[in-house]
Amino acid sequence: MRTWDEFLREEEANGVVEVILILVVLIGAVVIFRSQLQALVEDLMESVSEKAEAVE
């Protein structure tokens, strides 16, 4: 049976926990800034389509 110290030093699951925390932060940022991100994407797509029309 493992001791408490060995359990605390074990690092096998640390990578998984870190990835989950990063995803939670990213999803939270998207939820908080959803309207600003949506407006930014719409402006970028509008700009791309205008410049594509100018090329034709």
PDB file of N, CA and C in Angstrom:
ATOM      1  N   MET A   1       0.838  -1.174   0.000  1.00  0.00           N
ATOM      2  CA  MET A   1       0.000   0.000   0.000  1.00  0.00           C
ATOM      3  C   MET A   1       0.887   1.243   0.000  1.00  0.00           C
ATOM      4  N   ARG A   2       0.484   2.230  -0.795  1.00  0.00           N
ATOM      5  CA  ARG A   2       1.288   3.442  -0.913  1.00  0.00           C
ATOM      6  C   ARG A   2       1.094   4.357   0.293  1.00  0.00           C
ATOM      7  N   THR A   3       2.131   5.074   0.586  1.00  0.00           N
ATOM      8  CA  THR A   3       2.029   6.030   1.687  1.00  0.00           C
ATOM      9  C   THR A   3       1.485   7.349   1.170  1.00  0.00           C
ATOM     10  N   TRP A   4       1.118   8.205   2.084  1.00  0.00           N
ATOM     11  CA  TRP A   4       0.548   9.510   1.714  1.00  0.00           C
ATOM     12  C   TRP A   4       1.569  10.342   0.931  1.00  0.00           C
ATOM     13  N   ASP A   5       2.834  10.300   1.312  1.00  0.00           N
ATOM     14  CA  ASP A   5       3.872  11.051   0.616  1.00  0.00           C
ATOM     15  C   ASP A   5       4.018  10.589  -0.830  1.00  0.00           C
ATOM     16  N   GLU A   6       3.982   9.286  -1.054  1.00  0.00           N
ATOM     17  CA  GLU A   6       4.064   8.766  -2.416  1.00  0.00           C
ATOM     18  C   GLU A   6       2.868   9.215  -3.237  1.00  0.00           C
ATOM     19  N   PHE A   7       1.708   9.235  -2.619  1.00  0.00           N
ATOM     20  CA  PHE A   7       0.498   9.672  -3.317  1.00  0.00           C
ATOM     21  C   PHE A   7       0.618  11.139  -3.738  1.00  0.00           C
ATOM     22  N   LEU A   8       1.127  11.989  -2.858  1.00  0.00           N
ATOM     23  CA  LEU A   8       1.265  13.408  -3.168  1.00  0.00           C
ATOM     24  C   LEU A   8       2.320  13.668  -4.243  1.00  0.00           C
ATOM     25  N   ARG A   9       3.337  12.831  -4.331  1.00  0.00           N
ATOM     26  CA  ARG A   9       4.399  13.011  -5.319  1.00  0.00           C
ATOM     27  C   ARG A   9       4.032  12.463  -6.692  1.00  0.00           C
ATOM     28  N   GLU A  10       3.013  11.658  -6.750  1.00  0.00           N
ATOM     29  CA  GLU A  10       2.611  11.052  -8.015  1.00  0.00           C
ATOM     30  C   GLU A  10       2.133  12.143  -8.975  1.00  0.00           C
ATOM     31  N   GLU A  11       2.631  12.100 -10.201  1.00  0.00           N
ATOM     32  CA  GLU A  11       2.344  13.165 -11.156  1.00  0.00           C
ATOM     33  C   GLU A  11       1.635  12.664 -12.408  1.00  0.00           C
ATOM     34  N   GLU A  12       1.131  11.463 -12.403  1.00  0.00           N
ATOM     35  CA  GLU A  12       0.532  10.902 -13.609  1.00  0.00           C
ATOM     36  C   GLU A  12      -0.702  11.686 -14.061  1.00  0.00           C
ATOM     37  N   ALA A  13      -1.524  12.139 -13.143  1.00  0.00           N
ATOM     38  CA  ALA A  13      -2.774  12.807 -13.507  1.00  0.00           C
ATOM     39  C   ALA A  13      -2.643  14.321 -13.576  1.00  0.00           C
ATOM     40  N   ASN A  14      -1.489  14.865 -13.265  1.00  0.00           N
ATOM     41  CA  ASN A  14      -1.334  16.314 -13.265  1.00  0.00           C
ATOM     42  C   ASN A  14      -1.568  16.912 -14.643  1.00  0.00           C
ATOM     43  N   GLY A  15      -1.122  16.265 -15.691  1.00  0.00           N
ATOM     44  CA  GLY A  15      -1.326  16.787 -17.039  1.00  0.00           C
ATOM     45  C   GLY A  15      -2.792  16.863 -17.400  1.00  0.00           C
ATOM     46  N   VAL A  16      -3.545  15.871 -17.014  1.00  0.00           N
ATOM     47  CA  VAL A  16      -4.974  15.855 -17.302  1.00  0.00           C
ATOM     48  C   VAL A  16      -5.676  16.988 -16.566  1.00  0.00           C
ATOM     49  N   VAL A  17      -5.333  17.175 -15.318  1.00  0.00           N
ATOM     50  CA  VAL A  17      -5.937  18.243 -14.521  1.00  0.00           C
ATOM     51  C   VAL A  17      -5.602  19.602 -15.119  1.00  0.00           C
ATOM     52  N   GLU A  18      -4.382  19.793 -15.546  1.00  0.00           N
ATOM     53  CA  GLU A  18      -3.983  21.065 -16.146  1.00  0.00           C
ATOM     54  C   GLU A  18      -4.756  21.336 -17.418  1.00  0.00           C
ATOM     55  N   VAL A  19      -4.916  20.345 -18.265  1.00  0.00           N
ATOM     56  CA  VAL A  19      -5.669  20.522 -19.509  1.00  0.00           C
ATOM     57  C   VAL A  19      -7.117  20.864 -19.204  1.00  0.00           C
ATOM     58  N   ILE A  20      -7.708  20.193 -18.237  1.00  0.00           N
ATOM     59  CA  ILE A  20      -9.102  20.467 -17.871  1.00  0.00           C
ATOM     60  C   ILE A  20      -9.236  21.888 -17.344  1.00  0.00           C
ATOM     61  N   LEU A  21      -8.309  22.344 -16.522  1.00  0.00           N
ATOM     62  CA  LEU A  21      -8.370  23.709 -16.004  1.00  0.00           C
ATOM     63  C   LEU A  21      -8.227  24.741 -17.109  1.00  0.00           C
ATOM     64  N   ILE A  22      -7.338  24.497 -18.052  1.00  0.00           N
ATOM     65  CA  ILE A  22      -7.180  25.417 -19.189  1.00  0.00           C
ATOM     66  C   ILE A  22      -8.461  25.480 -20.000  1.00  0.00           C
ATOM     67  N   LEU A  23      -9.083  24.341 -20.259  1.00  0.00           N
ATOM     68  CA  LEU A  23     -10.342  24.326 -21.005  1.00  0.00           C
ATOM     69  C   LEU A  23     -11.444  25.067 -20.262  1.00  0.00           C
ATOM     70  N   VAL A  24     -11.510  24.902 -18.959  1.00  0.00           N
ATOM     71  CA  VAL A  24     -12.525  25.605 -18.168  1.00  0.00           C
ATOM     72  C   VAL A  24     -12.328  27.113 -18.266  1.00  0.00           C
ATOM     73  N   VAL A  25     -11.086  27.563 -18.192  1.00  0.00           N
ATOM     74  CA  VAL A  25     -10.804  28.995 -18.295  1.00  0.00           C
ATOM     75  C   VAL A  25     -11.161  29.520 -19.683  1.00  0.00           C
ATOM     76  N   LEU A  26     -10.808  28.790 -20.726  1.00  0.00           N
ATOM     77  CA  LEU A  26     -11.133  29.216 -22.086  1.00  0.00           C
ATOM     78  C   LEU A  26     -12.635  29.265 -22.314  1.00  0.00           C
ATOM     79  N   ILE A  27     -13.346  28.256 -21.865  1.00  0.00           N
ATOM     80  CA  ILE A  27     -14.800  28.237 -22.029  1.00  0.00           C
ATOM     81  C   ILE A  27     -15.433  29.380 -21.240  1.00  0.00           C
ATOM     82  N   GLY A  28     -14.926  29.631 -20.050  1.00  0.00           N
ATOM     83  CA  GLY A  28     -15.432  30.753 -19.259  1.00  0.00           C
ATOM     84  C   GLY A  28     -15.208  32.084 -19.959  1.00  0.00           C
ATOM     85  N   ALA A  29     -14.034  32.269 -20.556  1.00  0.00           N
ATOM     86  CA  ALA A  29     -13.744  33.512 -21.281  1.00  0.00           C
ATOM     87  C   ALA A  29     -14.672  33.665 -22.482  1.00  0.00           C
ATOM     88  N   VAL A  30     -14.933  32.571 -23.186  1.00  0.00           N
ATOM     89  CA  VAL A  30     -15.838  32.637 -24.340  1.00  0.00           C
ATOM     90  C   VAL A  30     -17.244  33.000 -23.895  1.00  0.00           C
ATOM     91  N   VAL A  31     -17.689  32.428 -22.789  1.00  0.00           N
ATOM     92  CA  VAL A  31     -19.031  32.728 -22.293  1.00  0.00           C
ATOM     93  C   VAL A  31     -19.128  34.187 -21.858  1.00  0.00           C
ATOM     94  N   ILE A  32     -18.113  34.676 -21.164  1.00  0.00           N
ATOM     95  CA  ILE A  32     -18.140  36.050 -20.669  1.00  0.00           C
ATOM     96  C   ILE A  32     -18.066  37.056 -21.820  1.00  0.00           C
ATOM     97  N   PHE A  33     -17.204  36.805 -22.776  1.00  0.00           N
ATOM     98  CA  PHE A  33     -16.978  37.766 -23.860  1.00  0.00           C
ATOM     99  C   PHE A  33     -17.646  37.336 -25.161  1.00  0.00           C
ATOM    100  N   ARG A  34     -18.718  36.579 -25.086  1.00  0.00           N
ATOM    101  CA  ARG A  34     -19.364  36.031 -26.278  1.00  0.00           C
ATOM    102  C   ARG A  34     -19.811  37.120 -27.249  1.00  0.00           C
ATOM    103  N   SER A  35     -20.472  38.152 -26.764  1.00  0.00           N
ATOM    104  CA  SER A  35     -20.985  39.181 -27.667  1.00  0.00           C
ATOM    105  C   SER A  35     -19.845  39.942 -28.340  1.00  0.00           C
ATOM    106  N   GLN A  36     -18.780  40.233 -27.600  1.00  0.00           N
ATOM    107  CA  GLN A  36     -17.639  40.923 -28.197  1.00  0.00           C
ATOM    108  C   GLN A  36     -16.954  40.045 -29.233  1.00  0.00           C
ATOM    109  N   LEU A  37     -16.801  38.760 -28.932  1.00  0.00           N
ATOM    110  CA  LEU A  37     -16.177  37.846 -29.897  1.00  0.00           C
ATOM    111  C   LEU A  37     -17.029  37.691 -31.144  1.00  0.00           C
ATOM    112  N   GLN A  38     -18.339  37.630 -30.961  1.00  0.00           N
ATOM    113  CA  GLN A  38     -19.239  37.494 -32.099  1.00  0.00           C
ATOM    114  C   GLN A  38     -19.149  38.728 -32.993  1.00  0.00           C
ATOM    115  N   ALA A  39     -19.123  39.924 -32.392  1.00  0.00           N
ATOM    116  CA  ALA A  39     -19.006  41.154 -33.172  1.00  0.00           C
ATOM    117  C   ALA A  39     -17.669  41.200 -33.912  1.00  0.00           C
ATOM    118  N   LEU A  40     -16.606  40.768 -33.262  1.00  0.00           N
ATOM    119  CA  LEU A  40     -15.286  40.753 -33.892  1.00  0.00           C
ATOM    120  C   LEU A  40     -15.254  39.820 -35.089  1.00  0.00           C
ATOM    121  N   VAL A  41     -15.803  38.622 -34.938  1.00  0.00           N
ATOM    122  CA  VAL A  41     -15.824  37.652 -36.038  1.00  0.00           C
ATOM    123  C   VAL A  41     -16.676  38.177 -37.190  1.00  0.00           C
ATOM    124  N   GLU A  42     -17.811  38.781 -36.877  1.00  0.00           N
ATOM    125  CA  GLU A  42     -18.664  39.336 -37.934  1.00  0.00           C
ATOM    126  C   GLU A  42     -17.933  40.437 -38.694  1.00  0.00           C
ATOM    127  N   ASP A  43     -17.233  41.324 -37.980  1.00  0.00           N
ATOM    128  CA  ASP A  43     -16.467  42.382 -38.637  1.00  0.00           C
ATOM    129  C   ASP A  43     -15.365  41.811 -39.515  1.00  0.00           C
ATOM    130  N   LEU A  44     -14.677  40.795 -39.017  1.00  0.00           N
ATOM    131  CA  LEU A  44     -13.609  40.181 -39.813  1.00  0.00           C
ATOM    132  C   LEU A  44     -14.155  39.527 -41.075  1.00  0.00           C
ATOM    133  N   MET A  45     -15.283  38.815 -40.946  1.00  0.00           N
ATOM    134  CA  MET A  45     -15.871  38.162 -42.119  1.00  0.00           C
ATOM    135  C   MET A  45     -16.366  39.191 -43.129  1.00  0.00           C
ATOM    136  N   GLU A  46     -16.916  40.284 -42.642  1.00  0.00           N
ATOM    137  CA  GLU A  46     -17.372  41.354 -43.536  1.00  0.00           C
ATOM    138  C   GLU A  46     -16.196  41.967 -44.280  1.00  0.00           C
ATOM    139  N   SER A  47     -15.100  42.186 -43.565  1.00  0.00           N
ATOM    140  CA  SER A  47     -13.901  42.744 -44.176  1.00  0.00           C
ATOM    141  C   SER A  47     -13.328  41.795 -45.230  1.00  0.00           C
ATOM    142  N   VAL A  48     -13.312  40.508 -44.929  1.00  0.00           N
ATOM    143  CA  VAL A  48     -12.797  39.521 -45.883  1.00  0.00           C
ATOM    144  C   VAL A  48     -13.667  39.485 -47.136  1.00  0.00           C
ATOM    145  N   SER A  49     -14.971  39.505 -46.970  1.00  0.00           N
ATOM    146  CA  SER A  49     -15.850  39.442 -48.144  1.00  0.00           C
ATOM    147  C   SER A  49     -15.742  40.715 -48.981  1.00  0.00           C
ATOM    148  N   GLU A  50     -15.581  41.880 -48.335  1.00  0.00           N
ATOM    149  CA  GLU A  50     -15.407  43.126 -49.090  1.00  0.00           C
ATOM    150  C   GLU A  50     -14.119  43.087 -49.892  1.00  0.00           C
ATOM    151  N   LYS A  51     -13.043  42.610 -49.291  1.00  0.00           N
ATOM    152  CA  LYS A  51     -11.762  42.563 -50.000  1.00  0.00           C
ATOM    153  C   LYS A  51     -11.796  41.497 -51.093  1.00  0.00           C
ATOM    154  N   ALA A  52     -12.543  40.425 -50.887  1.00  0.00           N
ATOM    155  CA  ALA A  52     -12.668  39.400 -51.930  1.00  0.00           C
ATOM    156  C   ALA A  52     -13.430  39.950 -53.127  1.00  0.00           C
ATOM    157  N   GLU A  53     -14.439  40.753 -52.853  1.00  0.00           N
ATOM    158  CA  GLU A  53     -15.196  41.391 -53.952  1.00  0.00           C
ATOM    159  C   GLU A  53     -14.317  42.381 -54.701  1.00  0.00           C
ATOM    160  N   ALA A  54     -13.438  43.084 -54.013  1.00  0.00           N
ATOM    161  CA  ALA A  54     -12.547  44.047 -54.651  1.00  0.00           C
ATOM    162  C   ALA A  54     -11.543  43.349 -55.564  1.00  0.00           C
ATOM    163  N   VAL A  55     -11.177  42.126 -55.245  1.00  0.00           N
ATOM    164  CA  VAL A  55     -10.210  41.379 -56.060  1.00  0.00           C
ATOM    165  C   VAL A  55     -10.847  40.930 -57.371  1.00  0.00           C
ATOM    166  N   GLU A  56     -12.125  40.612 -57.317  1.00  0.00           N
ATOM    167  CA  GLU A  56     -12.799  40.090 -58.513  1.00  0.00           C
ATOM    168  C   GLU A  56     -12.907  41.103 -59.560  1.00  0.00           C
TER     169      GLU A  56
END
